[in-house]
Protein backbone atom coordinates (compact mmCIF):
# COMPACT_ATOMS: atom_id res chain seq x y z
CA MET A 1 0.00 0.00 0.00
CA LYS A 2 1.43 3.36 -0.97
CA LYS A 3 2.34 5.75 1.79
CA ALA A 4 -0.15 8.61 1.97
CA SER A 5 -1.96 10.83 4.42
CA HIS A 6 -5.39 9.49 5.27
CA ASN A 7 -6.85 12.29 7.31
CA ALA A 8 -9.25 12.66 4.37
CA PRO A 9 -11.95 10.02 3.75
CA VAL A 10 -11.35 7.12 1.37
CA ALA A 11 -14.00 6.11 -1.15
CA VAL A 12 -15.11 2.47 -1.22
CA ARG A 13 -16.35 1.12 -4.57
CA THR A 14 -16.79 -2.22 -6.39
CA VAL A 15 -16.18 -3.26 -9.98
CA ASP A 16 -17.02 -6.43 -11.94
CA ILE A 17 -14.37 -7.32 -14.56
CA SER A 18 -16.71 -9.80 -16.26
CA ARG A 19 -18.61 -6.76 -17.56
CA THR A 20 -17.57 -3.74 -19.60
CA LEU A 21 -15.70 -1.35 -17.34
CA ILE A 22 -17.28 2.06 -16.77
CA PRO A 23 -15.85 5.21 -15.12
CA ILE A 24 -15.94 5.48 -11.34
CA ASP A 25 -17.31 8.95 -10.69
CA ASN A 26 -18.75 10.95 -7.76
CA LEU A 27 -15.27 11.11 -6.26
CA SER A 28 -14.89 14.87 -5.83
CA ALA A 29 -14.74 14.48 -2.01
CA TYR A 30 -12.04 11.78 -2.12
CA ARG A 31 -8.32 11.81 -2.82
CA SER A 32 -8.10 8.03 -2.64
CA CYS A 33 -10.37 5.17 -3.65
CA ARG A 34 -10.40 1.54 -2.54
CA VAL A 35 -11.95 -0.71 -5.19
CA TYR A 36 -13.05 -4.29 -4.45
CA VAL A 37 -12.73 -6.32 -7.64
CA PHE A 38 -15.17 -9.08 -8.61
CA ASP A 39 -15.23 -11.51 -11.50
CA GLY A 40 -18.97 -12.10 -11.71
CA THR A 41 -19.85 -13.21 -8.20
CA ARG A 42 -16.26 -14.16 -7.30
CA LEU A 43 -14.35 -11.70 -5.14
CA LEU A 44 -10.76 -11.46 -6.44
CA GLY A 45 -9.18 -8.80 -4.26
CA MET A 46 -8.86 -5.06 -3.86
CA VAL A 47 -6.84 -2.23 -5.41
CA GLU A 48 -5.94 1.22 -4.08
CA ILE A 49 -6.11 4.18 -6.47
CA GLU A 50 -4.97 7.72 -5.70
CA ASN A 51 -7.62 9.54 -7.73
CA MET A 52 -6.99 13.07 -6.36
CA ARG A 53 -10.71 13.90 -6.37
CA GLN A 54 -10.98 12.98 -10.05
CA THR A 55 -13.09 10.41 -11.92
CA ILE A 56 -11.27 7.10 -12.53
CA SER A 57 -11.38 6.22 -16.22
CA PRO A 58 -11.94 2.65 -17.45
CA ALA A 59 -8.46 2.60 -18.98
CA ARG A 60 -6.76 3.52 -15.69
CA LEU A 61 -8.98 1.16 -13.76
CA ARG A 62 -8.07 -1.67 -16.12
CA ASP A 63 -4.33 -0.99 -15.81
CA VAL A 64 -4.37 -0.70 -12.00
CA ILE A 65 -6.35 -3.92 -11.61
CA ALA A 66 -4.05 -5.78 -13.99
CA GLU A 67 -0.97 -4.51 -12.14
CA GLN A 68 -2.06 -4.85 -8.52
CA LEU A 69 -3.95 -8.15 -8.96
CA TYR A 70 -1.47 -9.71 -11.35
CA TRP A 71 -0.87 -12.77 -9.19
CA GLN A 72 -4.55 -13.45 -8.54
CA LEU A 73 -5.36 -13.16 -12.23
CA GLY A 74 -2.25 -15.08 -13.25
CA LYS A 75 -3.16 -18.01 -11.01
CA ARG A 76 -6.48 -18.28 -12.83
CA TRP A 77 -4.99 -17.76 -16.32
CA MET A 78 -1.26 -18.39 -16.43
CA GLY A 79 -0.90 -16.53 -19.74
CA ALA A 80 -2.02 -13.24 -18.23
CA HIS A 81 0.41 -10.31 -18.51
CA PRO A 82 0.23 -7.40 -16.05
CA TYR A 83 -0.22 -4.92 -18.87
CA GLU A 84 -2.69 -6.82 -21.02
CA PRO A 85 -4.31 -4.20 -23.37
CA GLU A 86 -7.85 -5.35 -22.59
CA LEU A 87 -8.62 -6.66 -19.12
CA SER A 88 -11.86 -8.13 -20.51
CA LEU A 89 -9.68 -10.56 -22.49
CA ILE A 90 -8.15 -11.80 -19.24
CA ALA A 91 -11.55 -12.18 -17.60
CA GLY A 92 -12.91 -13.93 -20.69
CA ARG A 93 -10.19 -16.61 -20.51
CA ILE A 94 -10.95 -17.47 -16.89
CA PRO A 95 -13.06 -20.65 -16.69
CA GLY A 96 -16.49 -20.05 -15.27
CA THR A 97 -16.23 -16.26 -15.44
CA ALA A 98 -19.95 -15.69 -15.82
CA ALA A 99 -21.09 -18.75 -13.92
CA GLU A 100 -23.03 -18.34 -10.74
CA ALA A 101 -21.63 -19.91 -7.62
CA SER A 102 -23.43 -23.14 -6.87
CA SER A 103 -23.51 -25.41 -3.87
CA GLY A 104 -23.61 -29.18 -3.78
CA LEU A 105 -25.22 -28.98 -0.36
CA PRO A 106 -28.75 -30.47 -0.55
CA ALA A 107 -31.60 -27.99 -0.28
CA SER A 108 -32.99 -30.08 2.58
CA VAL A 109 -30.18 -28.85 4.84
CA SER A 110 -31.69 -26.03 6.88
CA VAL A 111 -29.96 -22.87 8.09
CA SER A 112 -30.44 -20.65 11.13
CA ILE A 113 -28.91 -17.17 11.33
CA ALA A 114 -28.16 -16.05 14.90
CA LEU A 115 -27.86 -12.27 14.89
CA ALA A 116 -26.64 -10.55 18.06
CA THR A 117 -27.67 -6.94 18.67
CA PHE A 118 -27.19 -4.32 21.37
CA ASP A 119 -29.21 -1.10 21.00
CA ARG A 120 -28.48 -0.34 17.34
CA PRO A 121 -31.98 -0.28 15.85
CA GLN A 122 -31.12 1.46 12.58
CA GLN A 123 -28.22 -0.85 11.78
CA LEU A 124 -30.31 -3.84 12.84
CA ARG A 125 -33.05 -2.82 10.41
CA GLU A 126 -30.58 -2.61 7.53
CA CYS A 127 -29.11 -5.99 8.41
CA LEU A 128 -32.55 -7.65 8.62
CA LYS A 129 -33.50 -6.22 5.22
CA ALA A 130 -30.39 -7.83 3.75
CA LEU A 131 -31.10 -11.13 5.49
CA CYS A 132 -34.71 -11.22 4.31
CA ALA A 133 -33.46 -10.67 0.74
CA GLN A 134 -31.31 -13.81 0.76
CA GLU A 135 -31.74 -16.09 -2.26
CA SER A 136 -31.65 -19.66 -1.04
CA PRO A 137 -33.55 -22.87 -1.86
CA ARG A 138 -33.40 -24.04 1.75
CA ARG A 139 -35.31 -23.10 4.89
CA VAL A 140 -33.58 -20.11 6.49
CA GLU A 141 -34.50 -19.11 10.03
CA VAL A 142 -33.45 -15.74 11.46
CA VAL A 143 -32.98 -15.48 15.24
CA VAL A 144 -32.30 -12.02 16.70
CA VAL A 145 -30.77 -11.98 20.19
CA ASP A 146 -31.40 -8.77 22.12
CA ASN A 147 -28.51 -8.37 24.55
CA HIS A 148 -30.05 -5.34 26.25
CA PRO A 149 -33.80 -6.06 26.46
CA SER A 150 -34.46 -3.44 29.14
CA SER A 151 -33.84 -0.63 26.62
CA GLY A 152 -36.84 -1.66 24.51
CA LEU A 153 -35.10 -0.57 21.28
CA THR A 154 -34.94 -3.93 19.51
CA PRO A 155 -38.50 -5.40 19.63
CA PRO A 156 -40.12 -2.65 17.48
CA VAL A 157 -37.59 -3.32 14.73
CA VAL A 158 -38.01 -7.09 14.80
CA LYS A 159 -41.80 -6.69 14.76
CA ASP A 160 -41.53 -5.23 11.24
CA PHE A 161 -40.02 -8.49 9.94
CA PRO A 162 -42.59 -11.32 10.19
CA GLY A 163 -41.09 -14.71 10.85
CA VAL A 164 -37.97 -13.38 12.57
CA VAL A 165 -37.55 -14.90 16.05
CA LEU A 166 -36.66 -12.58 18.94
CA VAL A 167 -34.72 -13.92 21.94
CA SER A 168 -33.76 -11.91 25.02
CA GLU A 169 -30.45 -12.44 26.81
CA GLN A 170 -30.05 -10.17 29.84
CA ARG A 171 -26.54 -11.32 30.72
CA GLN A 172 -24.47 -8.85 28.75
CA GLY A 173 -21.59 -10.08 26.64
CA LEU A 174 -21.36 -11.08 23.00
CA ALA A 175 -20.62 -14.73 23.85
CA TYR A 176 -23.75 -14.86 26.03
CA ALA A 177 -25.78 -13.43 23.13
CA ARG A 178 -24.30 -15.78 20.55
CA ASN A 179 -24.85 -18.81 22.77
CA ALA A 180 -28.49 -17.82 23.33
CA GLY A 181 -28.90 -17.70 19.54
CA PHE A 182 -27.17 -21.06 19.06
CA VAL A 183 -29.38 -22.73 21.67
CA ARG A 184 -32.58 -21.32 20.15
CA SER A 185 -31.64 -22.10 16.51
CA SER A 186 -33.18 -25.15 14.86
CA GLY A 187 -31.14 -25.31 11.64
CA ASP A 188 -28.64 -27.98 10.64
CA ILE A 189 -26.18 -25.14 10.06
CA ILE A 190 -26.03 -22.06 12.30
CA ILE A 191 -24.63 -18.78 10.97
CA ALA A 192 -23.38 -16.12 13.38
CA THR A 193 -23.42 -12.46 12.41
CA ASP A 194 -23.87 -8.97 13.88
CA ASP A 195 -26.19 -6.03 13.48
CA ASP A 196 -23.52 -3.74 11.97
CA VAL A 197 -23.08 -5.70 8.74
CA ILE A 198 -25.02 -6.05 5.50
CA MET A 199 -24.63 -8.82 2.95
CA PRO A 200 -25.42 -9.55 -0.72
CA PRO A 201 -28.33 -11.86 -1.66
CA ASP A 202 -26.10 -14.89 -2.37
CA TRP A 203 -24.23 -14.69 0.94
CA VAL A 204 -25.94 -17.62 2.68
CA GLU A 205 -25.42 -20.03 -0.22
CA LYS A 206 -21.77 -19.12 -0.62
CA LEU A 207 -21.11 -19.45 3.10
CA VAL A 208 -22.77 -22.86 3.52
CA ALA A 209 -21.45 -24.43 0.29
CA PRO A 210 -18.32 -26.04 1.89
CA PHE A 211 -20.51 -28.03 4.31
CA GLU A 212 -21.12 -30.56 1.53
CA ARG A 213 -17.83 -32.02 2.81
CA SER A 214 -18.55 -33.96 5.99
CA ASP A 215 -15.30 -33.02 7.75
CA VAL A 216 -16.05 -29.29 7.67
CA GLY A 217 -17.24 -27.99 11.04
CA VAL A 218 -16.99 -24.25 10.50
CA VAL A 219 -16.83 -21.85 7.55
CA THR A 220 -15.73 -18.24 7.86
CA GLY A 221 -16.22 -15.48 5.31
CA ASN A 222 -14.66 -12.17 4.41
CA VAL A 223 -15.52 -8.92 6.22
CA LEU A 224 -15.04 -5.80 4.09
CA PRO A 225 -15.24 -2.15 5.19
CA ARG A 226 -18.51 -0.58 4.17
CA GLU A 227 -16.92 2.87 4.27
CA LEU A 228 -13.59 4.52 4.98
CA GLU A 229 -14.82 8.02 5.63
CA THR A 230 -12.76 8.78 8.75
CA GLU A 231 -9.16 8.33 9.79
CA SER A 232 -10.28 5.95 12.54
CA GLN A 233 -11.95 3.67 10.01
CA TYR A 234 -8.84 3.65 7.85
CA LEU A 235 -6.55 2.99 10.81
CA PHE A 236 -8.66 0.01 11.83
CA GLU A 237 -8.01 -1.47 8.39
CA ALA A 238 -4.30 -0.69 8.84
CA TYR A 239 -4.48 -2.49 12.19
CA GLY A 240 -5.76 -5.56 10.37
CA GLY A 241 -9.49 -5.04 10.09
CA LEU A 242 -11.82 -8.02 10.16
CA GLY A 243 -11.19 -9.41 6.68
CA ARG A 244 -8.68 -12.19 6.15
CA GLY A 245 -7.70 -11.70 2.53
CA PHE A 246 -8.91 -12.92 -0.83
CA GLU A 247 -7.38 -16.38 -0.97
CA GLY A 248 -9.47 -19.30 0.29
CA LYS A 249 -7.98 -21.82 2.70
CA LYS A 250 -8.85 -25.02 4.52
CA VAL A 251 -7.20 -26.04 7.77
CA GLY A 252 -7.63 -29.01 10.07
CA PRO A 253 -6.09 -30.77 13.09
CA SER A 254 -2.72 -31.31 11.37
CA TRP A 255 -2.50 -27.55 10.77
CA LEU A 256 -3.22 -26.91 14.44
CA ARG A 257 -0.43 -29.28 15.46
CA ARG A 258 2.12 -28.45 12.78
CA SER A 259 4.52 -26.57 15.07
CA ARG A 260 5.71 -27.65 18.49
CA ARG A 261 6.80 -24.13 19.42
CA ARG A 262 4.58 -21.64 17.59
CA ALA A 263 0.88 -21.36 18.35
CA ALA A 264 -1.30 -21.96 15.28
CA PRO A 265 -2.64 -18.53 14.17
CA THR A 266 -6.32 -19.26 14.68
CA TRP A 267 -6.90 -15.50 15.04
CA LYS A 268 -6.21 -15.19 11.29
CA LEU A 269 -9.06 -17.52 10.29
CA GLY A 270 -11.99 -15.08 10.44
CA ALA A 271 -14.53 -13.74 12.89
CA THR A 272 -18.05 -14.59 14.00
CA ALA A 273 -19.38 -11.44 12.36
CA ASN A 274 -19.41 -13.81 9.37
CA ALA A 275 -19.15 -17.49 10.29
CA ALA A 276 -21.21 -20.66 9.92
CA PHE A 277 -21.12 -23.77 12.10
CA ARG A 278 -22.37 -27.30 11.77
CA ALA A 279 -24.96 -27.36 14.56
CA ALA A 280 -23.66 -30.70 15.85
CA VAL A 281 -20.37 -29.14 17.00
CA PHE A 282 -22.07 -27.32 19.86
CA ARG A 283 -23.31 -30.62 21.32
CA ASN A 284 -19.88 -32.20 21.03
CA PRO A 285 -18.55 -32.52 24.62
CA GLU A 286 -15.06 -31.64 23.38
CA ILE A 287 -16.33 -28.30 22.04
CA GLY A 288 -19.55 -27.03 23.57
CA LEU A 289 -20.74 -23.45 23.32
CA MET A 290 -18.64 -20.30 23.32
CA ASP A 291 -16.51 -19.56 26.37
CA GLU A 292 -18.53 -16.75 27.90
CA ALA A 293 -15.56 -15.35 29.83
CA LEU A 294 -14.15 -14.23 26.47
CA GLY A 295 -15.48 -11.69 24.02
CA PRO A 296 -16.84 -8.13 23.74
CA GLY A 297 -18.89 -7.00 26.70
CA MET A 298 -16.59 -8.84 29.12
CA PRO A 299 -13.44 -7.44 30.78
CA SER A 300 -11.36 -9.85 28.67
CA GLY A 301 -12.25 -7.96 25.49
CA VAL A 302 -12.34 -10.52 22.65
CA GLY A 303 -11.26 -14.10 21.91
CA GLU A 304 -14.56 -15.99 22.08
CA ASP A 305 -14.60 -16.76 18.35
CA THR A 306 -10.89 -17.59 18.13
CA TYR A 307 -11.15 -20.06 21.00
CA LEU A 308 -14.23 -21.66 19.47
CA PHE A 309 -12.33 -22.16 16.19
CA TYR A 310 -9.46 -23.66 18.21
CA LYS A 311 -11.73 -26.16 19.97
CA ILE A 312 -13.53 -27.17 16.78
CA ILE A 313 -10.31 -27.88 14.89
CA LYS A 314 -8.77 -29.64 17.89
CA ALA A 315 -11.82 -31.93 18.07
CA GLY A 316 -11.16 -33.20 14.53
CA TYR A 317 -13.09 -30.88 12.24
CA SER A 318 -11.80 -28.72 9.40
CA LEU A 319 -12.30 -24.98 9.00
CA VAL A 320 -12.78 -23.38 5.59
CA TYR A 321 -12.18 -19.70 4.88
CA GLN A 322 -14.46 -18.66 2.02
CA PRO A 323 -13.52 -15.11 0.87
CA ASP A 324 -16.37 -14.97 -1.66
CA ALA A 325 -18.89 -15.15 1.20
CA TYR A 326 -18.39 -11.54 2.18
CA VAL A 327 -20.27 -8.99 4.28
CA TRP A 328 -19.86 -5.22 4.51
CA HIS A 329 -19.00 -3.99 8.02
CA THR A 330 -19.42 -0.47 9.42
CA HIS A 331 -16.21 0.31 11.30
CA ARG A 332 -16.20 2.67 14.27
CA ARG A 333 -15.92 6.24 13.08
CA ASP A 334 -14.37 8.18 15.99
CA PRO A 335 -10.91 7.90 17.61
CA ALA A 336 -12.19 7.12 21.12
CA ALA A 337 -14.18 4.12 19.87
CA LEU A 338 -11.21 2.90 17.82
CA ARG A 339 -8.86 3.13 20.79
CA LYS A 340 -11.26 1.18 23.00
CA GLN A 341 -11.65 -1.47 20.31
CA ILE A 342 -7.92 -1.93 19.83
CA TYR A 343 -7.36 -2.01 23.61
CA ASP A 344 -10.05 -4.68 23.97
CA TYR A 345 -8.62 -6.71 21.10
CA SER A 346 -5.19 -6.62 22.74
CA LYS A 347 -6.57 -7.79 26.09
CA GLY A 348 -8.51 -10.50 24.31
CA HIS A 349 -5.50 -11.82 22.42
CA VAL A 350 -3.69 -12.48 25.68
CA SER A 351 -6.86 -13.86 27.30
CA TYR A 352 -7.24 -16.33 24.43
CA HIS A 353 -3.69 -17.64 24.75
CA LEU A 354 -3.92 -17.91 28.51
CA THR A 355 -7.12 -19.94 28.03
CA THR A 356 -5.41 -22.39 25.67
CA LEU A 357 -2.53 -22.64 28.14
CA LEU A 358 -4.60 -23.21 31.28
CA ARG A 359 -7.51 -25.23 29.86
CA ASP A 360 -5.87 -27.09 26.98
CA ARG A 361 -2.30 -27.29 28.30
CA ASP A 362 -1.07 -25.73 25.06
CA ARG A 363 2.36 -24.44 26.07
CA ARG A 364 2.89 -22.79 22.70
CA ALA A 365 0.94 -19.88 24.16
CA LEU A 366 3.99 -19.00 26.26
CA PHE A 367 6.19 -18.59 23.18
CA ARG A 368 3.54 -16.38 21.58
CA LEU A 369 3.16 -14.16 24.63
CA MET A 370 6.79 -13.97 25.74
CA VAL A 371 8.70 -14.02 22.45
CA GLU A 372 6.59 -13.37 19.36
CA LEU A 373 4.46 -10.48 20.61
CA PRO A 374 7.36 -8.38 22.03
CA ARG A 375 9.40 -9.04 18.88
CA ASP A 376 6.50 -8.05 16.61
CA TYR A 377 5.96 -4.80 18.51
CA LEU A 378 9.63 -3.86 18.18
CA ARG A 379 9.52 -4.52 14.46
CA ARG A 380 6.36 -2.46 13.99
CA ILE A 381 7.75 0.47 15.98
CA TYR A 382 10.95 0.32 13.92
CA ARG A 383 8.98 0.32 10.66
CA ARG A 384 6.95 3.31 11.82
CA LEU A 385 10.03 5.28 12.85
CA ARG A 386 11.65 4.56 9.49
CA GLY A 387 8.55 5.82 7.67
CA ARG A 388 7.58 2.41 6.31
CA SER A 389 4.24 2.27 8.11
CA GLU A 390 1.34 4.65 8.68
CA TYR A 391 0.19 2.95 11.87
CA PRO A 392 0.83 5.31 14.83
CA VAL A 393 3.25 4.38 17.61
CA SER A 394 0.61 5.59 20.08
CA LEU A 395 -1.70 2.77 19.00
CA ILE A 396 1.11 0.22 19.20
CA LEU A 397 1.77 1.33 22.80
CA LEU A 398 -1.97 1.05 23.46
CA GLU A 399 -1.85 -2.56 22.23
CA ILE A 400 1.01 -3.28 24.64
CA ARG A 401 -1.02 -1.80 27.51
CA GLY A 402 -3.92 -4.02 26.53
CA ASN A 403 -1.70 -7.10 26.49
CA LEU A 404 -0.43 -6.30 29.99
CA ALA A 405 -4.02 -5.93 31.21
CA GLY A 406 -5.02 -9.27 29.70
CA PRO A 407 -4.38 -11.63 32.67
CA TRP A 408 -6.23 -9.43 35.19
CA SER A 409 -9.09 -8.89 32.73
CA LEU A 410 -9.45 -12.63 32.13
CA TRP A 411 -9.58 -13.29 35.90
CA LYS A 412 -12.35 -10.68 36.29
CA SER A 413 -14.29 -12.24 33.41
CA ARG A 414 -14.08 -15.70 34.92
CA ARG A 415 -15.37 -14.34 38.24
CA ARG A 416 -18.28 -12.69 36.46
CA VAL A 417 -19.25 -15.88 34.63
CA ALA A 418 -19.05 -17.79 37.91
CA ARG A 419 -21.65 -15.37 39.31
CA GLU A 420 -23.95 -15.18 36.27
CA GLY A 421 -23.70 -18.80 35.15
CA ARG A 422 -23.00 -20.53 31.84
CA SER A 423 -25.37 -21.27 28.98
CA GLU A 424 -26.26 -24.89 28.21
CA PHE A 425 -28.49 -26.82 25.87
CA PRO A 426 -31.63 -28.20 27.53
CA THR A 427 -30.58 -31.72 26.56
CA ALA A 428 -27.51 -33.28 25.02
CA THR A 429 -28.11 -35.61 22.09
CA GLY A 430 -25.52 -36.78 19.60
CA THR A 431 -22.04 -35.38 19.24
CA GLY A 432 -21.50 -35.49 15.52
CA ILE A 433 -17.78 -36.08 15.99
CA PRO A 434 -16.12 -36.53 12.59
CA SER A 435 -13.27 -38.81 11.87
CA ALA A 436 -9.85 -37.27 12.50
CA GLU A 437 -8.02 -35.70 9.59
């Protein structure tokens, strides 16, 4: 990514290279534009264009895409050259360019969508509109979990969407809300998402497609920024955002065990703002529901989804990252909210590793906490001081503070869960344990 000042907003646009390229206009308020590139319904990647408040012509758009996505395009058509005169020729040589994504998963397999919300009625309404517009041949149930029922803000919104199930969970914490949705859901596959995302009509089918393979226990999708209007939103993307790239991957137990010293980077596999689970995994005694001492709304900060991925893979399932199954996420717009988010993420990262150490006896957590994290911070500070990074040193120091607060925060979270109790299924039937990889 080119070095630039991002105090000004960044435009977010999409383009489909299977169709004739047209100018990207209405950019007079933007000096920079981030373009997400599709080939039909397939998400290929993104490009950054310094447009200097000017319209981006098709010719420039074609050249930038060919240059910045050369490897992605080349992997699909090895004869592609980064300066091909007509990008449409490259797209036309890609097999299945205009084909719609299809799933071999039988239509009889039902889906439940567990949507957690906390006093964001306008965003919830937008999300429910997108969910009700899903194009799927299967039965799709939508379960909204109100994690602050005393406010009364959520029921009027849900009432406008017939068929949507409303569940109240008074114990605050995202893991509590997600677990309440999982317990109430009746689908064979349960999708977790949040009220601050919207999704295209084919999202459900793309996300559940990998479940046709019996070893798959969880599928995660991409999370793209819906806007980059403020510096805080841009810095969150520089921090790492919620997306995990444009290359699909599949990992299993052997991936989790591949190093005796380094912890497997489960935190790079996705997030439960966009994730689907085989319902049977939650009744597996080796997995269970989310650890409610982890996650937003608890002192520990985050880590509930990462630890769930860890347990699912450890129990013998595979995880698939499906970048085409994307959602658009509204990042926090103001600096105070960004700083709190990064601080919580940093606490949660340590809380997650301490959990794998204490509950799963995974000693690789010690190497991550005592060697890798300090080394990574030194490298990032060095890169910033040498002008090779735009990420502020102040935010790096904030991450370090969050890491140091992690152990105490995890202890407070465990005490809180001990007082408020854990969620459980009414009955336990069938584990659905797959064969090991």
